[in-house]
Structures are given as C-alpha cells and as structure tokens.
C-alpha cells in the first residue's frame, strides 16, 4: 500500500503579510498543495492522508469547492482528512453540509472513530478538532480494530495544548503507521512508525530548512512500513545567514557579500541576515537598497563599534564621555553591558559632533 502524508497546508494564509511578496507566498501554498495532489497521482498512491490544518482558518464554501475539485482529479486515490486546531469544525461550518467527491473521507467526529476501506484492506482511526485546544491525552488508550488489516492513525497535535501524546507508543498500540500533523518541521521516526511531514511551504521566518511531504509504503503481508521518504516540494525556503564583519568592512562591501551569498543559494528564497563582528565606529550599515533586490524578511545588526576606549578616555578625562567609560567599562562584561557602553559612547560622540 502506497501513501502520501501531508499536513499543515494552511490554505488561505498570507505569510509575511507586511512584505511585498506576501501574495506570492499565499499563492505558493495553493500551488504546492496542487502539486501534492499531482504527486499522489504520479506515484500511484493508494491514499492521501491530510493530518489537519488543511485550511488556515474556517474554510469558506469557495475554498471547499477548490479543494474538492483538486481531489476529484485523483479519483483512484482515497483521500482521508481530519481538521486541526486552525480549521477546527465550528457549529456553523460549511463542512457540515458540503458534499465531497466519492474518493474523499473526512473524519469529522470530535472523538476517535474508524473508517474501513475493505478493498485496500486498510482502516484509519482519527478525529477532528472542534475546539482551539485539546489538553487531554485522548489517544492514550486508543488502539486499532482487532483485524488483519493495515492500521493507520491520523492525528493532529503533540504538545501540551494540542492533544499531548507519546509518539513512540503508537507502534506498540498496534498501529502500522501514525500520520501526524501540527508540528511544522519534518520529522520521520527511525523505526518508520510515525512521521510529521511539516508544512509543505514554510510559513514564517522560523520555519527554515526543507519543506514538503512524506511518501511511504506498507507491506500488506507484514502490515509494517517498508519505506518512508521525505519529498521536498516547497517553492522557497527561509534561509538565515550570519555575516561577520571587521573594522575594514564598508557598507558597499557588506551589501555585495550578502547579494553574492543569496545569489549562490537562490534568489527565490527569503533571507534573514544577522551581522556580527566588530565594525568601524564611523560606519553605519544601511542595507535598505538590498531589500529591493532580494526577499529579506529581517536584518539584525549585532555588530559592535571597535572603539579605542583608552584613547577616548585620555582625550575626555573630565567630561561626560570619560565619566561614562569609567562608570561602565570593566574586564568582564555581559552582552547587555557591552551594548550599553557602545550605544552610550556612540550617542555622546554624535552629540559632540553636532555641537562642533
């Protein structure tokens, strides 16, 4: 039995909503989910499991129609879904009256239930969220039906506020595979008994690394997973880069280095730059022109001005600068104390320059 396992698509989300590329990211979410459906057909999957948060919020009727159309293009694939905490089923949800195409099964109950697929000799246990949080370990005593079928568990959670559970116990409970959702970073168990596919597209700057789906195979004879593979599909990645500077680094040089690093990795990606090291006190890094050439979600300038405090104190022994250095400088300084010293001296020197 072959399957594709996905979760946390968040259809309808606008990542980086304050950035000019936000609409492109929103479309990428939809395009990548379309590719997931296509992969299910190309790989001749028997099942497509969606472990919650297909939608970013309560789905509108037009969203359900779009998704249903996609599922109708893979009639030979059995699609099984649950709702997560983001797209939880509310009393007024359009899901209650929506008619899905014949290959789609939505486990919409608020407590664990089982659906059996006789032809494929598979049963799936799962349930949907009807509240924002589930703090009780509802799956603690859940076991699959007593039958010689392949047993799949479909679940969304894994933290204290969202269905706490012990991932390593699912195999001992009798499940062939636990298709999990809620954690946006991919995680495939070493014993092949469970996986988090992560979000197919990264949704914010913290979701670095590759994103995609899980493809797996289960032996009908042993009812155990024989293959579990992560398939990267995302159109872009959030890439954090740390750039070290020296007092010789100019603003133009730093811009060129960052542009070169981004070009080498791919201009389709979204970057978070962190600048570290010592810089010339007269240099002010202004990288705003770079933001017109790259997708830069954040620039953190953690560089420190390389002041000659001995020389400064000798030049200002009796004024505010000398007093400030004497009050704050010491051999062992914390990062916060260093910043206070650097920023204070910088401000005092700027004030003196303005008075001259």
Protein backbone atom coordinates (compact mmCIF):
# COMPACT_ATOMS: atom_id res chain seq x y z
CA UNK A 1 0.00 0.00 0.00
CA UNK A 2 1.44 3.38 -1.05
CA UNK A 3 0.53 6.69 0.52
CA UNK A 4 1.34 10.37 0.63
CA UNK A 5 1.09 12.05 4.02
CA UNK A 6 0.74 15.82 4.37
CA UNK A 7 -0.47 18.29 6.99
CA UNK A 8 -0.45 21.96 7.96
CA UNK A 9 -1.01 23.32 4.47
CA UNK A 10 -2.76 26.45 5.82
CA UNK A 11 -4.64 27.20 2.61
CA UNK A 12 -5.78 30.84 2.79
CA UNK A 13 -2.83 32.12 4.83
CA UNK A 14 -0.82 35.19 3.77
CA UNK A 15 2.70 34.63 5.14
CA UNK A 16 4.80 37.76 5.75
CA UNK A 17 1.68 39.89 5.37
CA UNK A 18 3.67 43.13 5.71
CA UNK A 19 6.06 42.24 2.88
CA UNK A 20 5.64 42.84 -0.86
CA UNK A 21 5.93 39.12 -1.64
CA UNK A 22 3.09 38.07 0.69
CA UNK A 23 0.60 37.42 -2.12
CA UNK A 24 3.16 35.27 -3.91
CA UNK A 25 3.63 33.20 -0.76
CA UNK A 26 -0.14 32.79 -0.39
CA UNK A 27 -0.31 31.52 -3.97
CA UNK A 28 2.68 29.25 -3.39
CA UNK A 29 0.74 27.48 -0.61
CA UNK A 30 -2.05 26.70 -3.07
CA UNK A 31 0.29 25.77 -5.91
CA UNK A 32 2.29 23.40 -3.72
CA UNK A 33 -0.86 21.67 -2.49
CA UNK A 34 -1.89 21.26 -6.11
CA UNK A 35 1.50 19.63 -6.70
CA UNK A 36 0.91 17.30 -3.73
CA UNK A 37 -2.30 16.11 -5.37
CA UNK A 38 -0.44 15.64 -8.65
CA UNK A 39 2.28 13.65 -6.88
CA UNK A 40 -0.38 11.33 -5.44
CA UNK A 41 -1.45 10.55 -8.99
CA UNK A 42 2.06 10.27 -10.45
CA UNK A 43 3.25 7.95 -7.67
CA UNK A 44 0.06 5.87 -7.92
CA UNK A 45 -0.64 6.34 -4.22
CA UNK A 46 -3.49 4.37 -2.74
CA UNK A 47 -4.10 7.01 -0.07
CA UNK A 48 -3.55 10.70 0.56
CA UNK A 49 -3.62 11.44 4.30
CA UNK A 50 -4.14 15.05 5.42
CA UNK A 51 -3.42 15.31 9.15
CA UNK A 52 -5.14 18.60 9.98
CA UNK A 53 -4.88 22.32 9.23
CA UNK A 54 -5.53 21.97 5.53
CA UNK A 55 -7.05 25.44 5.93
CA UNK A 56 -5.58 28.35 7.86
CA UNK A 57 -8.98 29.29 9.28
CA UNK A 58 -12.63 28.35 9.00
CA UNK A 59 -12.95 27.40 5.30
CA UNK A 60 -15.40 29.27 3.14
CA UNK A 61 -17.59 27.42 0.67
CA UNK A 62 -15.42 28.59 -2.23
CA UNK A 63 -12.34 27.10 -0.52
CA UNK A 64 -14.08 23.75 -0.10
CA UNK A 65 -15.05 23.78 -3.77
CA UNK A 66 -11.47 24.47 -4.87
CA UNK A 67 -10.08 21.68 -2.72
CA UNK A 68 -12.82 19.29 -3.77
CA UNK A 69 -12.01 19.93 -7.42
CA UNK A 70 -8.37 19.01 -6.79
CA UNK A 71 -9.40 15.79 -5.08
CA UNK A 72 -11.71 14.96 -7.99
CA UNK A 73 -8.65 14.86 -10.29
CA UNK A 74 -7.32 11.79 -8.42
CA UNK A 75 -10.39 9.51 -8.30
CA UNK A 76 -8.25 6.39 -7.78
CA UNK A 77 -6.68 7.83 -4.59
CA UNK A 78 -8.56 7.56 -1.31
CA UNK A 79 -8.27 10.92 0.47
CA UNK A 80 -8.69 10.87 4.26
CA UNK A 81 -8.70 14.13 6.25
CA UNK A 82 -9.12 15.49 9.74
CA UNK A 83 -9.50 19.08 10.96
CA UNK A 84 -6.76 20.61 13.11
CA UNK A 85 -6.85 23.45 15.60
CA UNK A 86 -6.74 26.16 12.90
CA UNK A 87 -9.51 24.75 10.70
CA UNK A 88 -11.46 23.22 13.58
CA UNK A 89 -15.09 22.39 12.88
CA UNK A 90 -17.45 25.03 14.26
CA UNK A 91 -21.26 24.72 14.57
CA UNK A 92 -21.77 26.98 11.54
CA UNK A 93 -19.06 25.34 9.42
CA UNK A 94 -19.80 24.83 5.73
CA UNK A 95 -18.28 21.37 6.18
CA UNK A 96 -21.49 20.13 7.79
CA UNK A 97 -23.45 20.33 4.55
CA UNK A 98 -20.73 20.08 1.94
CA UNK A 99 -20.79 17.12 -0.45
CA UNK A 100 -17.32 15.78 -1.16
CA UNK A 101 -16.45 13.74 -4.21
CA UNK A 102 -16.66 9.99 -3.75
CA UNK A 103 -12.97 9.38 -3.00
CA UNK A 104 -12.88 11.76 -0.02
CA UNK A 105 -13.48 10.77 3.61
CA UNK A 106 -13.47 13.45 6.31
CA UNK A 107 -13.25 12.11 9.87
CA UNK A 108 -15.29 14.95 11.32
CA UNK A 109 -16.27 13.45 14.69
CA UNK A 110 -14.89 15.08 17.84
CA UNK A 111 -13.87 11.71 19.32
CA UNK A 112 -11.80 8.95 17.70
CA UNK A 113 -13.67 6.93 15.08
CA UNK A 114 -12.68 4.33 12.50
CA UNK A 115 -13.31 4.15 8.76
CA UNK A 116 -12.66 0.87 6.94
CA UNK A 117 -11.54 0.56 3.32
CA UNK A 118 -12.28 -3.07 2.53
CA UNK A 119 -10.80 -3.11 -0.98
CA UNK A 120 -7.46 -1.78 0.24
CA UNK A 121 -7.59 -3.83 3.48
CA UNK A 122 -6.94 -0.63 5.46
CA UNK A 123 -8.64 1.07 8.39
CA UNK A 124 -7.99 4.62 9.56
CA UNK A 125 -8.56 5.90 13.09
CA UNK A 126 -8.84 9.63 13.69
CA UNK A 127 -10.92 12.61 14.77
CA UNK A 128 -11.21 16.34 14.13
CA UNK A 129 -10.78 19.36 16.36
CA UNK A 130 -13.95 21.17 17.40
CA UNK A 131 -12.13 23.45 19.87
CA UNK A 132 -8.99 25.58 19.66
CA UNK A 133 -7.14 23.40 22.16
CA UNK A 134 -7.22 19.81 23.37
CA UNK A 135 -5.26 19.41 26.59
CA UNK A 136 -6.38 15.88 27.42
CA UNK A 137 -4.39 12.87 26.07
CA UNK A 138 -7.35 11.43 24.17
CA UNK A 139 -5.20 8.96 22.27
CA UNK A 140 -3.63 7.39 25.36
CA UNK A 141 -5.86 4.30 25.27
CA UNK A 142 -6.78 4.29 21.58
CA UNK A 143 -5.98 1.04 19.77
CA UNK A 144 -6.80 -0.09 16.24
CA UNK A 145 -9.59 -2.57 15.47
CA UNK A 146 -8.84 -6.22 16.08
CA UNK A 147 -8.49 -7.26 12.46
CA UNK A 148 -5.76 -8.35 9.99
CA UNK A 149 -5.88 -5.00 8.19
CA UNK A 150 -3.28 -2.25 7.85
CA UNK A 151 -3.99 0.17 10.70
CA UNK A 152 -3.44 3.92 10.20
CA UNK A 153 -3.72 6.57 12.90
CA UNK A 154 -4.42 10.14 11.75
CA UNK A 155 -3.75 12.72 14.49
CA UNK A 156 -3.02 16.42 14.90
CA UNK A 157 -1.08 17.58 17.93
CA UNK A 158 1.78 16.56 20.15
CA UNK A 159 2.23 19.46 22.59
CA UNK A 160 0.64 20.25 25.95
CA UNK A 161 -2.15 22.39 24.46
CA UNK A 162 -2.87 20.30 21.40
CA UNK A 163 -3.52 16.63 22.04
CA UNK A 164 -0.47 15.58 24.11
CA UNK A 165 0.75 12.10 23.26
CA UNK A 166 3.81 9.87 23.27
CA UNK A 167 4.74 9.27 19.63
CA UNK A 168 6.79 6.18 20.42
CA UNK A 169 3.80 4.27 21.80
CA UNK A 170 1.74 4.19 18.61
CA UNK A 171 3.58 1.18 17.19
CA UNK A 172 3.20 -0.70 20.46
CA UNK A 173 -0.53 0.08 20.36
CA UNK A 174 -0.84 -1.89 17.14
CA UNK A 175 -0.89 0.86 14.51
CA UNK A 176 1.08 0.27 11.33
CA UNK A 177 1.72 3.99 10.91
CA UNK A 178 0.79 7.24 12.66
CA UNK A 179 0.28 10.12 10.21
CA UNK A 180 0.77 13.20 12.39
CA UNK A 181 0.26 16.92 11.96
CA UNK A 182 0.64 20.21 13.87
CA UNK A 183 4.45 20.40 14.05
CA UNK A 184 5.67 22.36 11.02
CA UNK A 185 9.15 20.84 10.92
CA UNK A 186 9.52 17.44 9.19
CA UNK A 187 10.27 14.50 11.47
CA UNK A 188 10.45 10.89 10.31
CA UNK A 189 10.86 8.25 13.01
CA UNK A 190 13.83 5.91 12.74
CA UNK A 191 11.59 2.86 13.13
CA UNK A 192 9.21 4.15 10.38
CA UNK A 193 6.23 4.02 12.75
CA UNK A 194 5.27 7.70 12.56
CA UNK A 195 6.10 10.97 10.86
CA UNK A 196 5.38 14.67 10.88
CA UNK A 197 5.63 15.87 7.26
CA UNK A 198 5.80 19.52 8.39
CA UNK A 199 4.15 22.32 6.46
CA UNK A 200 4.57 21.85 2.68
CA UNK A 201 5.51 25.52 2.34
CA UNK A 202 7.38 27.34 5.14
CA UNK A 203 5.01 29.82 6.77
CA UNK A 204 7.31 32.23 8.62
CA UNK A 205 10.97 33.07 9.18
CA UNK A 206 11.36 30.45 11.92
CA UNK A 207 10.47 27.58 9.56
CA UNK A 208 13.87 27.11 7.97
CA UNK A 209 15.12 24.12 6.04
CA UNK A 210 13.39 21.89 3.51
CA UNK A 211 9.61 21.53 3.39
CA UNK A 212 7.46 19.00 1.57
CA UNK A 213 5.53 15.78 2.16
CA UNK A 214 6.08 12.17 3.22
CA UNK A 215 5.78 9.25 0.81
CA UNK A 216 5.51 5.78 2.26
CA UNK A 217 4.85 2.13 1.51
CA UNK A 218 3.36 -0.52 3.80
CA UNK A 219 3.65 -4.24 3.19
CA UNK A 220 0.23 -5.95 3.05
CA UNK A 221 1.85 -9.13 4.40
CA UNK A 222 3.58 -7.72 7.47
CA UNK A 223 1.40 -4.59 7.80
CA UNK A 224 4.59 -2.65 8.58
CA UNK A 225 6.04 0.38 6.85
CA UNK A 226 8.81 -0.69 4.48
CA UNK A 227 9.65 2.75 3.07
CA UNK A 228 9.33 6.26 4.40
CA UNK A 229 10.72 9.12 2.32
CA UNK A 230 10.62 12.89 2.68
CA UNK A 231 9.93 14.62 -0.64
CA UNK A 232 10.90 18.33 -0.80
CA UNK A 233 8.27 20.34 -2.67
CA UNK A 234 8.34 23.92 -1.39
CA UNK A 235 8.92 26.74 -3.84
CA UNK A 236 11.04 28.73 -1.39
CA UNK A 237 12.92 28.42 1.88
CA UNK A 238 13.60 30.83 4.72
CA UNK A 239 17.38 30.95 4.90
CA UNK A 240 19.21 32.50 7.87
CA UNK A 241 22.69 33.82 7.08
CA UNK A 242 25.27 35.10 9.55
CA UNK A 243 27.79 37.51 8.06
CA UNK A 244 30.90 38.52 10.01
CA UNK A 245 32.35 41.98 9.56
CA UNK A 246 35.61 43.67 10.58
CA UNK A 247 36.55 47.33 11.05
CA UNK A 248 37.66 47.26 7.40
CA UNK A 249 34.20 46.24 6.13
CA UNK A 250 32.38 49.01 4.27
CA UNK A 251 28.66 49.26 3.62
CA UNK A 252 29.16 48.55 -0.09
CA UNK A 253 31.32 45.50 0.59
CA UNK A 254 28.77 44.08 3.02
CA UNK A 255 25.94 44.58 0.50
CA UNK A 256 27.94 42.81 -2.20
CA UNK A 257 28.74 39.89 0.09
CA UNK A 258 25.12 39.43 1.09
CA UNK A 259 23.95 39.64 -2.52
CA UNK A 260 26.57 37.09 -3.59
CA UNK A 261 25.59 34.68 -0.81
CA UNK A 262 21.89 34.97 -1.68
CA UNK A 263 22.54 34.60 -5.42
CA UNK A 264 24.54 31.43 -4.77
CA UNK A 265 21.69 29.87 -2.78
CA UNK A 266 18.85 31.12 -4.96
CA UNK A 267 17.01 34.42 -5.36
CA UNK A 268 13.67 32.64 -4.96
CA UNK A 269 14.38 32.14 -1.26
CA UNK A 270 13.63 34.51 1.63
CA UNK A 271 16.56 35.67 3.73
CA UNK A 272 17.19 36.64 7.31
CA UNK A 273 20.57 38.33 7.74
CA UNK A 274 22.44 38.57 11.02
CA UNK A 275 25.53 40.84 11.07
CA UNK A 276 28.17 40.10 13.69
CA UNK A 277 31.70 41.20 14.48
CA UNK A 278 33.48 44.49 15.07
CA UNK A 279 32.94 47.44 12.73
CA UNK A 280 34.49 50.84 12.20
CA UNK A 281 32.69 53.26 14.56
CA UNK A 282 32.26 55.66 11.62
CA UNK A 283 30.41 53.04 9.55
CA UNK A 284 26.62 52.78 9.65
CA UNK A 285 25.37 49.76 7.74
CA UNK A 286 22.40 50.70 5.56
CA UNK A 287 21.16 47.67 3.66
CA UNK A 288 17.80 49.06 2.58
CA UNK A 289 18.83 49.09 -1.13
CA UNK A 290 19.42 45.34 -0.82
CA UNK A 291 15.79 44.83 0.10
CA UNK A 292 14.81 45.99 -3.40
CA UNK A 293 16.88 43.20 -4.95
CA UNK A 294 16.19 40.34 -2.53
CA UNK A 295 13.38 38.97 -0.40
CA UNK A 296 14.73 39.97 3.00
CA UNK A 297 12.41 39.28 5.92
CA UNK A 298 14.75 40.61 8.62
CA UNK A 299 18.17 42.20 9.12
CA UNK A 300 19.68 42.01 12.59
CA UNK A 301 22.75 44.19 13.02
CA UNK A 302 24.60 42.78 16.02
CA UNK A 303 27.96 44.27 15.03
CA UNK A 304 29.82 46.33 17.61
CA UNK A 305 31.84 49.50 17.01
CA UNK A 306 35.53 48.96 17.69
CA UNK A 307 36.23 51.95 19.93
CA UNK A 308 39.66 52.61 21.39
CA UNK A 309 38.38 53.27 24.89
CA UNK A 310 41.86 54.01 26.27
CA UNK A 311 42.38 56.73 23.69
CA UNK A 312 38.88 58.13 24.17
CA UNK A 313 39.34 58.29 27.95
CA UNK A 314 42.69 60.03 27.53
CA UNK A 315 41.01 62.61 25.27
CA UNK A 316 37.98 63.11 27.54
CA UNK A 317 39.15 62.59 31.15
CA UNK A 318 36.95 65.25 32.64
CA UNK A 319 33.76 65.27 30.58
CA UNK A 320 30.73 63.02 30.18
CA UNK A 321 32.49 60.63 27.79
CA UNK A 322 35.30 59.94 30.27
CA UNK A 323 32.82 59.59 33.13
CA UNK A 324 30.69 57.16 31.09
CA UNK A 325 33.68 54.97 30.17
CA UNK A 326 34.90 54.91 33.79
CA UNK A 327 31.41 54.00 35.08
CA UNK A 328 30.62 51.20 32.65
CA UNK A 329 33.86 49.65 31.41
CA UNK A 330 35.21 46.63 33.23
CA UNK A 331 37.11 43.45 32.40
CA UNK A 332 34.18 41.03 32.39
CA UNK A 333 31.13 42.50 30.70
CA UNK A 334 27.84 40.89 29.70
CA UNK A 335 26.40 41.38 26.21
CA UNK A 336 23.88 43.88 27.59
CA UNK A 337 26.59 45.84 29.41
CA UNK A 338 28.66 45.96 26.23
CA UNK A 339 25.73 47.29 24.25
CA UNK A 340 25.04 49.94 26.88
CA UNK A 341 28.67 51.07 26.69
CA UNK A 342 28.82 51.09 22.89
CA UNK A 343 25.46 52.78 22.38
CA UNK A 344 26.13 55.32 25.08
CA UNK A 345 29.54 56.29 23.68
CA UNK A 346 28.11 56.40 20.18
CA UNK A 347 25.34 58.76 21.29
CA UNK A 348 27.73 61.01 23.24
CA UNK A 349 30.15 61.25 20.32
CA UNK A 350 27.31 62.08 17.95
CA UNK A 351 26.16 64.80 20.33
CA UNK A 352 29.65 66.31 20.41
CA UNK A 353 29.86 66.22 16.62
CA UNK A 354 26.60 68.15 16.36
CA UNK A 355 27.86 70.85 18.73
CA UNK A 356 31.07 71.43 16.80
